[in-house]
Protein backbone atom coordinates (compact mmCIF):
# COMPACT_ATOMS: atom_id res chain seq x y z
CA UNK A 1 154.57 80.79 104.13
CA UNK A 2 157.10 81.07 107.00
CA UNK A 3 159.95 80.42 104.58
CA UNK A 4 158.76 83.11 102.15
CA UNK A 5 158.29 85.57 105.03
CA UNK A 6 161.85 85.02 106.25
CA UNK A 7 163.25 85.58 102.76
CA UNK A 8 161.07 88.70 102.26
CA UNK A 9 162.31 90.17 105.55
CA UNK A 10 165.92 89.36 104.64
CA UNK A 11 165.55 91.07 101.24
CA UNK A 12 164.08 94.16 102.95
CA UNK A 13 166.88 94.15 105.51
CA UNK A 14 169.57 93.84 102.84
CA UNK A 15 168.17 96.87 101.04
CA UNK A 16 167.93 99.07 104.15
CA UNK A 17 168.24 102.32 102.23
CA UNK A 18 165.49 101.48 99.75
CA UNK A 19 163.29 100.06 102.49
CA UNK A 20 163.69 103.17 104.65
CA UNK A 21 162.90 105.57 101.84
CA UNK A 22 159.85 103.68 100.63
CA UNK A 23 158.56 103.36 104.20
CA UNK A 24 158.96 107.12 104.65
CA UNK A 25 157.20 107.73 101.32
CA UNK A 26 154.27 105.53 102.30
CA UNK A 27 154.13 107.08 105.77
CA UNK A 28 154.04 110.63 104.40
CA UNK A 29 151.40 109.70 101.82
CA UNK A 30 149.18 108.02 104.42
CA UNK A 31 149.74 110.91 106.85
CA UNK A 32 148.47 113.30 104.18
CA UNK A 33 145.42 111.10 103.63
CA UNK A 34 144.65 110.82 107.35
CA UNK A 35 145.17 114.52 108.05
CA UNK A 36 143.26 115.67 104.97
CA UNK A 37 140.35 113.34 105.76
CA UNK A 38 140.26 114.54 109.37
CA UNK A 39 140.49 118.18 108.28
CA UNK A 40 137.72 117.95 105.70
CA UNK A 41 135.37 115.98 107.96
CA UNK A 42 136.03 118.40 110.84
CA UNK A 43 135.35 121.39 108.61
CA UNK A 44 132.15 119.82 107.31
CA UNK A 45 130.93 119.00 110.82
CA UNK A 46 131.66 122.55 111.91
CA UNK A 47 129.83 124.05 108.91
CA UNK A 48 126.81 121.78 109.35
CA UNK A 49 126.72 122.33 113.11
CA UNK A 50 126.98 126.10 112.63
CA UNK A 51 124.15 125.99 110.10
CA UNK A 52 121.69 123.50 111.58
CA UNK A 53 123.21 122.50 114.92
CA UNK A 54 120.72 124.66 116.83
CA UNK A 55 117.83 124.72 114.39
CA UNK A 56 115.26 122.25 113.07
CA UNK A 57 116.39 119.67 110.53
CA UNK A 58 112.78 119.07 109.44
CA UNK A 59 109.54 120.99 109.91
CA UNK A 60 105.97 119.82 109.35
CA UNK A 61 103.13 122.27 108.76
CA UNK A 62 99.64 122.17 107.29
CA UNK A 63 99.26 121.91 103.54
CA UNK A 64 96.49 122.45 100.96
CA UNK A 65 94.21 119.49 101.47
CA UNK A 66 90.53 118.66 101.03
CA UNK A 67 90.52 116.74 104.32
CA UNK A 68 90.95 117.93 107.88
CA UNK A 69 93.30 115.17 108.97
CA UNK A 70 96.81 114.51 110.12
CA UNK A 71 97.58 110.80 110.24
CA UNK A 72 96.50 108.06 107.87
CA UNK A 73 94.58 104.97 108.80
CA UNK A 74 97.73 102.88 109.12
CA UNK A 75 98.63 104.73 112.31
CA UNK A 76 95.20 104.17 113.81
CA UNK A 77 93.75 107.66 113.26
CA UNK A 78 90.90 107.98 110.78
CA UNK A 79 90.80 111.02 108.50
CA UNK A 80 87.58 113.02 108.57
CA UNK A 81 86.22 114.86 105.53
CA UNK A 82 85.48 118.56 105.48
CA UNK A 83 83.88 118.64 102.03
CA UNK A 84 85.05 118.38 98.46
CA UNK A 85 86.80 121.76 98.34
CA UNK A 86 90.48 122.49 98.94
CA UNK A 87 91.55 125.06 101.48
CA UNK A 88 94.83 126.32 102.91
CA UNK A 89 95.29 124.97 106.43
CA UNK A 90 96.75 127.74 108.59
CA UNK A 91 97.32 125.50 111.57
CA UNK A 92 97.76 121.88 112.53
CA UNK A 93 94.79 120.64 114.48
CA UNK A 94 95.38 116.96 115.24
CA UNK A 95 99.07 117.46 115.98
CA UNK A 96 99.38 115.49 119.23
CA UNK A 97 99.25 112.05 117.53
CA UNK A 98 101.89 113.33 115.10
CA UNK A 99 104.03 114.39 118.04
CA UNK A 100 103.68 110.94 119.62
CA UNK A 101 104.69 109.25 116.35
CA UNK A 102 107.77 111.43 115.95
CA UNK A 103 108.73 111.03 119.61
CA UNK A 104 108.69 107.24 119.19
CA UNK A 105 110.83 107.29 116.04
CA UNK A 106 114.40 106.11 116.58
CA UNK A 107 115.75 108.66 114.07
CA UNK A 108 114.56 111.75 115.98
CA UNK A 109 116.47 113.43 118.78
CA UNK A 110 114.14 116.39 119.44
CA UNK A 111 110.51 117.17 118.56
CA UNK A 112 108.99 120.56 119.37
CA UNK A 113 105.51 122.00 118.62
CA UNK A 114 105.38 125.71 117.77
CA UNK A 115 102.51 128.20 117.66
CA UNK A 116 103.75 131.19 115.69
CA UNK A 117 102.32 134.60 114.87
CA UNK A 118 103.19 138.25 114.28
CA UNK A 119 102.75 141.13 116.65
CA UNK A 120 104.34 144.32 118.00
CA UNK A 121 106.41 145.05 121.07
CA UNK A 122 105.47 148.44 122.50
CA UNK A 123 107.72 150.27 124.94
CA UNK A 124 107.79 154.00 125.72
CA UNK A 125 105.56 154.78 122.75
CA UNK A 126 107.78 152.96 120.24
CA UNK A 127 106.83 149.81 118.35
CA UNK A 128 108.95 146.92 117.10
CA UNK A 129 107.60 144.13 114.87
CA UNK A 130 108.19 140.73 116.45
CA UNK A 131 107.53 137.07 115.72
CA UNK A 132 105.92 135.31 118.67
CA UNK A 133 106.88 131.66 119.05
CA UNK A 134 104.90 129.61 121.52
CA UNK A 135 106.92 126.64 122.75
CA UNK A 136 107.11 123.85 125.26
CA UNK A 137 110.36 124.96 126.94
CA UNK A 138 111.97 121.57 127.52
CA UNK A 139 111.31 120.42 123.96
CA UNK A 140 112.41 123.69 122.33
CA UNK A 141 115.56 123.77 124.44
CA UNK A 142 116.68 120.48 122.87
CA UNK A 143 116.68 122.19 119.47
CA UNK A 144 117.70 125.79 120.15
CA UNK A 145 119.73 125.24 123.36
CA UNK A 146 118.12 128.37 124.77
CA UNK A 147 119.11 127.67 128.37
CA UNK A 148 122.79 127.77 127.38
CA UNK A 149 122.40 130.80 125.09
CA UNK A 150 120.97 133.23 127.63
CA UNK A 151 123.09 136.35 127.93
CA UNK A 152 121.12 137.42 131.02
CA UNK A 153 118.09 136.45 133.09
CA UNK A 154 116.42 133.06 133.50
CA UNK A 155 115.13 130.40 131.13
CA UNK A 156 111.45 130.75 132.00
CA UNK A 157 108.30 131.21 129.91
CA UNK A 158 105.60 130.46 132.45
CA UNK A 159 102.72 132.89 132.92
CA UNK A 160 103.50 136.32 131.47
CA UNK A 161 107.23 135.64 131.26
CA UNK A 162 108.93 135.64 127.86
CA UNK A 163 112.38 135.42 126.30
CA UNK A 164 113.63 138.03 123.83
CA UNK A 165 116.80 138.40 121.73
CA UNK A 166 119.78 140.58 122.52
CA UNK A 167 119.25 142.92 119.56
CA UNK A 168 115.61 143.53 120.46
CA UNK A 169 116.54 144.03 124.12
CA UNK A 170 119.17 146.61 123.17
CA UNK A 171 116.85 148.51 120.82
CA UNK A 172 113.92 148.56 123.27
CA UNK A 173 116.19 149.10 126.32
CA UNK A 174 114.79 146.02 128.02
CA UNK A 175 116.42 143.78 130.57
CA UNK A 176 115.22 140.86 132.72
CA UNK A 177 112.39 141.95 135.01
CA UNK A 178 111.16 144.76 132.73
CA UNK A 179 107.62 144.74 131.36
CA UNK A 180 106.33 145.80 127.98
CA UNK A 181 103.12 145.67 125.96
CA UNK A 182 102.55 143.05 123.30
CA UNK A 183 100.06 144.08 120.62
CA UNK A 184 98.35 141.79 118.14
CA UNK A 185 97.76 142.94 114.54
CA UNK A 186 94.05 143.14 115.36
CA UNK A 187 94.68 145.57 118.21
CA UNK A 188 94.50 143.30 121.28
CA UNK A 189 97.16 143.99 123.89
CA UNK A 190 98.84 142.01 126.66
CA UNK A 191 101.41 143.00 129.31
CA UNK A 192 104.46 140.68 129.32
CA UNK A 193 107.60 140.44 131.44
CA UNK A 194 111.13 139.75 130.20
CA UNK A 195 112.46 136.68 132.02
CA UNK A 196 115.64 136.27 129.97
CA UNK A 197 117.58 137.60 126.99
CA UNK A 198 119.01 135.08 124.50
CA UNK A 199 121.66 135.24 121.80
CA UNK A 200 121.13 132.73 118.96
CA UNK A 201 124.11 134.07 117.01
CA UNK A 202 121.85 135.50 114.31
CA UNK A 203 121.02 139.19 114.41
CA UNK A 204 117.77 138.77 112.50
CA UNK A 205 116.48 136.21 115.00
CA UNK A 206 117.80 138.18 117.98
CA UNK A 207 115.92 141.23 116.69
CA UNK A 208 112.52 139.65 116.00
CA UNK A 209 111.97 136.38 117.90
CA UNK A 210 110.07 136.22 121.17
CA UNK A 211 109.50 132.95 123.01
CA UNK A 212 106.53 132.36 125.29
CA UNK A 213 104.74 129.33 126.71
CA UNK A 214 102.83 127.35 124.07
CA UNK A 215 99.40 127.54 125.73
CA UNK A 216 99.57 131.31 126.19
CA UNK A 217 100.65 131.81 122.56
CA UNK A 218 97.77 129.64 121.36
CA UNK A 219 95.29 131.76 123.31
CA UNK A 220 96.78 135.13 122.31
CA UNK A 221 97.04 134.19 118.64
CA UNK A 222 93.62 132.58 118.52
CA UNK A 223 94.87 129.10 117.65
CA UNK A 224 92.67 127.29 120.13
CA UNK A 225 94.37 123.94 120.54
CA UNK A 226 96.10 124.13 117.16
CA UNK A 227 99.76 124.91 116.38
CA UNK A 228 101.67 126.30 113.42
CA UNK A 229 104.23 123.53 112.90
CA UNK A 230 106.23 120.73 114.42
CA UNK A 231 110.01 121.16 114.38
CA UNK A 232 112.28 118.10 114.44
CA UNK A 233 115.95 117.33 114.84
CA UNK A 234 117.34 113.94 113.80
CA UNK A 235 120.47 111.90 114.48
CA UNK A 236 121.70 111.80 110.87
CA UNK A 237 121.24 115.32 109.52
CA UNK A 238 122.06 114.23 105.97
CA UNK A 239 119.03 111.91 105.95
CA UNK A 240 116.65 114.82 106.57
CA UNK A 241 115.27 114.91 103.01
CA UNK A 242 114.50 111.17 102.94
CA UNK A 243 112.90 111.16 106.39
CA UNK A 244 110.89 114.31 105.66
CA UNK A 245 109.45 112.67 102.54
CA UNK A 246 108.73 109.47 104.47
CA UNK A 247 106.75 111.27 107.18
CA UNK A 248 105.03 113.57 104.69
CA UNK A 249 103.57 110.45 103.08
CA UNK A 250 102.56 109.09 106.47
CA UNK A 251 100.95 112.30 107.75
CA UNK A 252 97.94 113.31 105.67
CA UNK A 253 97.40 117.01 104.98
CA UNK A 254 100.93 117.89 106.06
CA UNK A 255 103.80 119.38 104.09
CA UNK A 256 107.44 119.06 105.08
CA UNK A 257 110.55 121.16 104.74
CA UNK A 258 114.13 120.18 105.48
CA UNK A 259 117.42 121.96 105.93
CA UNK A 260 119.00 120.42 102.82
CA UNK A 261 116.54 122.20 100.53
CA UNK A 262 117.00 125.46 102.42
CA UNK A 263 120.81 125.18 102.32
CA UNK A 264 121.44 123.85 98.81
CA UNK A 265 124.52 126.03 98.33
CA UNK A 266 126.09 124.67 101.54
CA UNK A 267 125.47 121.09 100.42
CA UNK A 268 127.05 121.85 97.06
CA UNK A 269 130.13 123.23 98.83
CA UNK A 270 130.34 120.16 101.09
CA UNK A 271 130.08 117.84 98.10
CA UNK A 272 132.84 119.75 96.30
CA UNK A 273 135.06 119.50 99.39
CA UNK A 274 134.51 115.76 99.64
CA UNK A 275 135.20 115.26 95.92
CA UNK A 276 138.41 117.30 96.14
CA UNK A 277 139.55 115.34 99.18
CA UNK A 278 138.88 111.98 97.52
CA UNK A 279 140.68 113.06 94.34
CA UNK A 280 143.77 114.15 96.27
CA UNK A 281 143.78 110.95 98.32
CA UNK A 282 143.41 108.84 95.17
CA UNK A 283 146.48 110.47 93.60
CA UNK A 284 148.44 110.06 96.83
CA UNK A 285 147.53 106.35 96.86
CA UNK A 286 148.55 106.07 93.20
CA UNK A 287 151.93 107.63 94.03
CA UNK A 288 152.41 105.12 96.88
CA UNK A 289 151.50 102.21 94.59
CA UNK A 290 153.89 103.29 91.82
CA UNK A 291 156.66 103.87 94.36
CA UNK A 292 156.36 100.37 95.80
CA UNK A 293 156.06 98.80 92.36
CA UNK A 294 159.23 100.55 91.16
CA UNK A 295 161.24 99.61 94.28
CA UNK A 296 160.18 95.96 94.08
CA UNK A 297 160.88 95.86 90.33
CA UNK A 298 164.42 97.01 91.04
CA UNK A 299 164.62 94.48 93.87
CA UNK A 300 163.73 91.65 91.47
CA UNK A 301 166.66 92.63 89.27
CA UNK A 302 169.02 93.03 92.25
CA UNK A 303 167.98 89.75 93.85
CA UNK A 304 167.65 87.75 90.62
CA UNK A 305 170.66 85.53 91.40
CA UNK A 306 169.41 84.77 94.90
CA UNK A 307 165.98 83.95 93.45
CA UNK A 308 167.59 81.79 90.80
CA UNK A 309 169.53 79.86 93.44
CA UNK A 310 166.40 79.42 95.54
CA UNK A 311 164.47 78.11 92.53
CA UNK A 312 167.37 75.79 91.64
CA UNK A 313 167.19 74.43 95.19
CA UNK A 314 163.52 73.58 94.72
CA UNK A 315 161.65 76.76 95.53
CA UNK A 316 158.52 76.91 93.38
CA UNK A 317 157.60 79.83 91.16
CA UNK A 318 154.51 80.56 93.29
CA UNK A 319 156.71 80.62 96.40
CA UNK A 320 159.09 83.07 94.71
CA UNK A 321 156.09 85.28 93.83
CA UNK A 322 154.86 85.27 97.41
CA UNK A 323 158.20 86.63 98.58
CA UNK A 324 157.60 89.88 96.72
CA UNK A 325 153.91 89.99 97.55
CA UNK A 326 154.86 89.73 101.22
CA UNK A 327 157.40 92.52 100.78
CA UNK A 328 154.72 94.73 99.31
CA UNK A 329 152.31 93.89 102.14
CA UNK A 330 154.94 94.49 104.83
CA UNK A 331 155.98 97.83 103.34
CA UNK A 332 152.36 98.94 102.96
CA UNK A 333 151.29 97.85 106.44
CA UNK A 334 154.27 99.25 108.37
CA UNK A 335 154.32 102.44 106.31
CA UNK A 336 150.60 103.05 106.75
CA UNK A 337 150.80 102.39 110.52
CA UNK A 338 153.63 104.91 110.78
CA UNK A 339 151.66 107.30 108.54
CA UNK A 340 148.56 107.05 110.76
CA UNK A 341 150.57 108.08 113.81
CA UNK A 342 152.12 110.90 111.79
CA UNK A 343 148.65 111.98 110.61
CA UNK A 344 147.43 112.04 114.22
CA UNK A 345 150.46 114.17 115.14
CA UNK A 346 149.67 116.58 112.28
CA UNK A 347 146.08 116.84 113.54
CA UNK A 348 147.24 117.71 117.05
CA UNK A 349 149.76 120.19 115.64
CA UNK A 350 146.99 121.90 113.66
CA UNK A 351 144.81 122.18 116.75
CA UNK A 352 147.70 123.58 118.77
CA UNK A 353 148.85 125.96 116.05
CA UNK A 354 145.41 127.46 115.41
CA UNK A 355 144.75 127.95 119.12
CA UNK A 356 147.91 129.89 119.98
CA UNK A 357 146.39 133.36 119.63
CA UNK A 358 142.81 132.77 120.75
CA UNK A 359 143.22 129.77 123.02
CA UNK A 360 140.67 127.91 120.91
CA UNK A 361 141.23 125.92 117.72
CA UNK A 362 139.98 127.34 114.43
CA UNK A 363 137.46 124.51 114.34
CA UNK A 364 137.37 121.18 116.20
CA UNK A 365 139.02 118.13 114.69
CA UNK A 366 138.28 114.60 115.82
CA UNK A 367 140.76 111.90 114.86
CA UNK A 368 138.73 108.93 113.60
CA UNK A 369 140.43 105.59 114.33
CA UNK A 370 137.97 103.76 112.06
CA UNK A 371 138.80 106.03 109.12
CA UNK A 372 142.54 105.60 109.84
CA UNK A 373 142.13 101.81 109.97
CA UNK A 374 140.29 101.92 106.64
CA UNK A 375 143.16 103.88 105.08
CA UNK A 376 145.64 101.33 106.50
CA UNK A 377 143.69 98.47 104.91
CA UNK A 378 143.43 100.28 101.56
CA UNK A 379 147.12 101.25 101.55
CA UNK A 380 148.20 97.71 102.46
CA UNK A 381 145.98 96.20 99.78
CA UNK A 382 147.26 98.68 97.20
CA UNK A 383 150.83 97.82 98.21
CA UNK A 384 150.21 94.11 97.69
CA UNK A 385 148.62 94.79 94.32
CA UNK A 386 151.57 96.95 93.32
CA UNK A 387 153.82 93.95 93.97
CA UNK A 388 151.95 91.73 91.52
CA UNK A 389 154.04 92.67 88.48
CA UNK A 390 157.42 92.26 90.23
CA UNK A 391 156.16 89.00 91.71
CA UNK A 392 155.19 87.76 88.28
CA UNK A 393 158.64 88.65 86.94
CA UNK A 394 160.30 86.73 89.75
CA UNK A 395 158.12 83.71 89.01
CA UNK A 396 159.17 83.76 85.35
CA UNK A 397 162.91 83.85 86.08
CA UNK A 398 164.79 80.90 84.66
CA UNK A 399 167.25 79.77 87.37
CA UNK A 400 169.79 78.44 84.85
CA UNK A 401 169.87 81.69 82.83
CA UNK A 402 170.12 83.80 85.97
CA UNK A 403 172.96 81.80 87.51
CA UNK A 404 174.90 81.73 84.22
CA UNK A 405 174.45 85.51 83.85
């Protein structure tokens, strides 16, 4: 193998011009693959994060069921019957075991119980419809990042303190420390104090949502110890549909929803982006392969006399083939290494170029060394495969005919 490697390197050195151009071609092709892959993955992460980064990936609420139960017998909780009729559960009753199960799951990153109901905010004789959301602050903060999204005031929901959105605060002329009257649809009223004003980046939510402590919401809304739903975030957001189905089967009398169903159009766009990216990269790889194959085919013709002499001196046909296979591997490996560095440079240039005016990149890009290494392996393998035909031609050369010619 050392002998073939020395000959392959000598052939590449003799054809410096061809070697340089094919290396540049491979490098540019790999750079396009690396940059395009980084760009598409960065865009997809940004879109997904903007859509579900600060919202539940899965929610579990009560479903139509003949039994008042939450967990099946496999989890150690026995379902109890409430008769042979079906009714619409408006709240989850035995939700604490469910919470414990989800907390213990390795896939989940945040689990938050919510007691939700409608009401009215009354201030200076005016009324605004609102959606009350009773939460456990630490748990809800892991999903909605409320503590970081306060535009004013404090992150506090203890006692009569609540959090309201910026749009609602502007319309009702409320600021931290102000009090207002909360009215239930049935007419009951409660005086509440604004502790903080949040901005979730969604005008509809900022205009209607009000967060208060879970226990107080349960009492005001008449839930007792029940809740409306359990909201969950998971590590792999794209596995939300599979996990939601898994837990829906495990939890009796519970229905699940997940962000993939609610954002079908976004998923379709992401799939189209990925397909387009793979198609472009496949054609780039094909161009690299054809380029190497054509250069090595020409090299076989140019070096036919040298190959003939080598074979006349005892070099085997398989050894002659390996010379060109090694050339293909060397070109592919060195070119793809150079292309990876060039792709990284393009990524940094994109980040710099899009941040000139605003000081912040259009969207974050993260260079993935693993993805780059995968492209290097694929490009090198494709380069070796592209050398198969030239290698076969070199193996079939008759040394006597070549030297005579």
